[in-house]
Amino acid sequence: MKKFIIGVLHKDGKFLVERRHEHEKFFPGSVQFPGGAIDPGETDEVALKREMKEELDIEPIAYKFLQEHSYPDGRNGRVYLIDKYAGA
């Protein structure tokens, strides 16, 4: 079963979401929080930092685990709230 990391960026009372491209295999055109697959052997922390760097060019500094989220297709996402970050 594939696991995913999800970053919920919070700043000044606002949350960042992104819209998936229409050609995406899973949930095309939907709005979501940024994130991606946790690679084999990767910890949540390493995956969170890698995905946020790849997608948003930021480095999470202050973050905490919120919950595990199950998708309808059986995948699991680990959700982290990011309150402080460096970069973009």
Protein backbone atom coordinates (compact mmCIF):
# COMPACT_ATOMS: atom_id res chain seq x y z
CA MET A 1 0.00 0.00 0.00
CA LYS A 2 1.40 3.37 -1.01
CA LYS A 3 1.77 6.07 1.62
CA PHE A 4 1.76 9.80 1.02
CA ILE A 5 2.90 12.86 2.91
CA ILE A 6 0.64 15.92 2.95
CA GLY A 7 1.75 19.41 4.00
CA VAL A 8 -0.85 21.88 5.26
CA LEU A 9 0.84 25.28 5.10
CA HIS A 10 -0.60 27.83 7.51
CA LYS A 11 0.37 31.50 7.48
CA ASP A 12 -1.48 34.61 8.66
CA GLY A 13 -4.73 32.68 9.09
CA LYS A 14 -4.62 31.30 5.54
CA PHE A 15 -3.96 27.84 4.10
CA LEU A 16 -2.23 27.02 0.81
CA VAL A 17 -3.97 24.64 -1.61
CA GLU A 18 -3.16 23.67 -5.17
CA ARG A 19 -5.25 22.49 -8.11
CA ARG A 20 -4.23 19.24 -9.78
CA HIS A 21 -3.80 19.24 -13.56
CA GLU A 22 -6.65 17.81 -15.59
CA HIS A 23 -4.35 15.09 -16.98
CA GLU A 24 -3.43 13.68 -13.52
CA LYS A 25 -4.24 9.99 -12.97
CA PHE A 26 -5.68 10.48 -9.48
CA PHE A 27 -8.33 13.14 -8.77
CA PRO A 28 -7.78 15.26 -11.93
CA GLY A 29 -8.72 18.93 -11.50
CA SER A 30 -9.29 18.62 -7.76
CA VAL A 31 -8.01 21.03 -5.12
CA GLN A 32 -5.62 19.59 -2.55
CA PHE A 33 -2.84 20.33 -0.12
CA PRO A 34 0.69 19.85 -1.53
CA GLY A 35 2.53 16.58 -0.96
CA GLY A 36 3.48 13.31 -2.58
CA ALA A 37 4.59 9.72 -2.15
CA ILE A 38 6.77 8.61 0.74
CA ASP A 39 9.66 6.74 -0.86
CA PRO A 40 10.62 3.28 0.48
CA GLY A 41 12.78 3.64 3.60
CA GLU A 42 11.99 7.36 3.96
CA THR A 43 10.82 8.82 7.27
CA ASP A 44 7.88 11.21 7.37
CA GLU A 45 10.25 14.09 8.15
CA VAL A 46 12.51 13.39 5.17
CA ALA A 47 9.52 12.93 2.83
CA LEU A 48 7.84 16.12 4.06
CA LYS A 49 10.98 18.19 3.54
CA ARG A 50 11.69 16.64 0.12
CA GLU A 51 8.15 17.10 -1.18
CA MET A 52 7.87 20.70 0.03
CA LYS A 53 11.23 21.49 -1.60
CA GLU A 54 10.21 19.82 -4.88
CA GLU A 55 6.74 21.34 -5.10
CA LEU A 56 7.08 24.75 -3.43
CA ASP A 57 10.81 25.39 -3.01
CA ILE A 58 10.44 25.75 0.77
CA GLU A 59 11.98 24.06 3.81
CA PRO A 60 9.57 23.27 6.66
CA ILE A 61 10.95 24.46 10.01
CA ALA A 62 8.05 24.14 12.47
CA TYR A 63 5.56 21.34 11.77
CA LYS A 64 3.51 18.74 13.61
CA PHE A 65 1.64 15.56 12.76
CA LEU A 66 -2.14 16.08 12.49
CA GLN A 67 -3.67 12.83 11.32
CA GLU A 68 -3.58 9.91 8.93
CA HIS A 69 -6.02 10.19 6.03
CA SER A 70 -7.32 7.23 4.02
CA TYR A 71 -8.17 7.78 0.36
CA PRO A 72 -11.11 5.99 -1.32
CA ASP A 73 -8.65 3.92 -3.41
CA GLY A 74 -6.94 2.54 -0.28
CA ARG A 75 -3.87 4.80 -0.16
CA ASN A 76 -2.93 6.48 3.12
CA GLY A 77 -1.77 10.04 3.63
CA ARG A 78 0.08 11.36 6.68
CA VAL A 79 -0.95 14.97 7.25
CA TYR A 80 1.40 17.56 8.80
CA LEU A 81 0.62 21.17 9.72
CA ILE A 82 3.48 23.47 8.71
CA ASP A 83 3.46 26.72 10.70
CA LYS A 84 6.92 27.99 9.81
CA TYR A 85 9.10 27.52 6.75
CA ALA A 86 12.06 29.06 4.93
CA GLY A 87 12.12 29.94 1.25
CA ALA A 88 9.56 31.11 -1.27
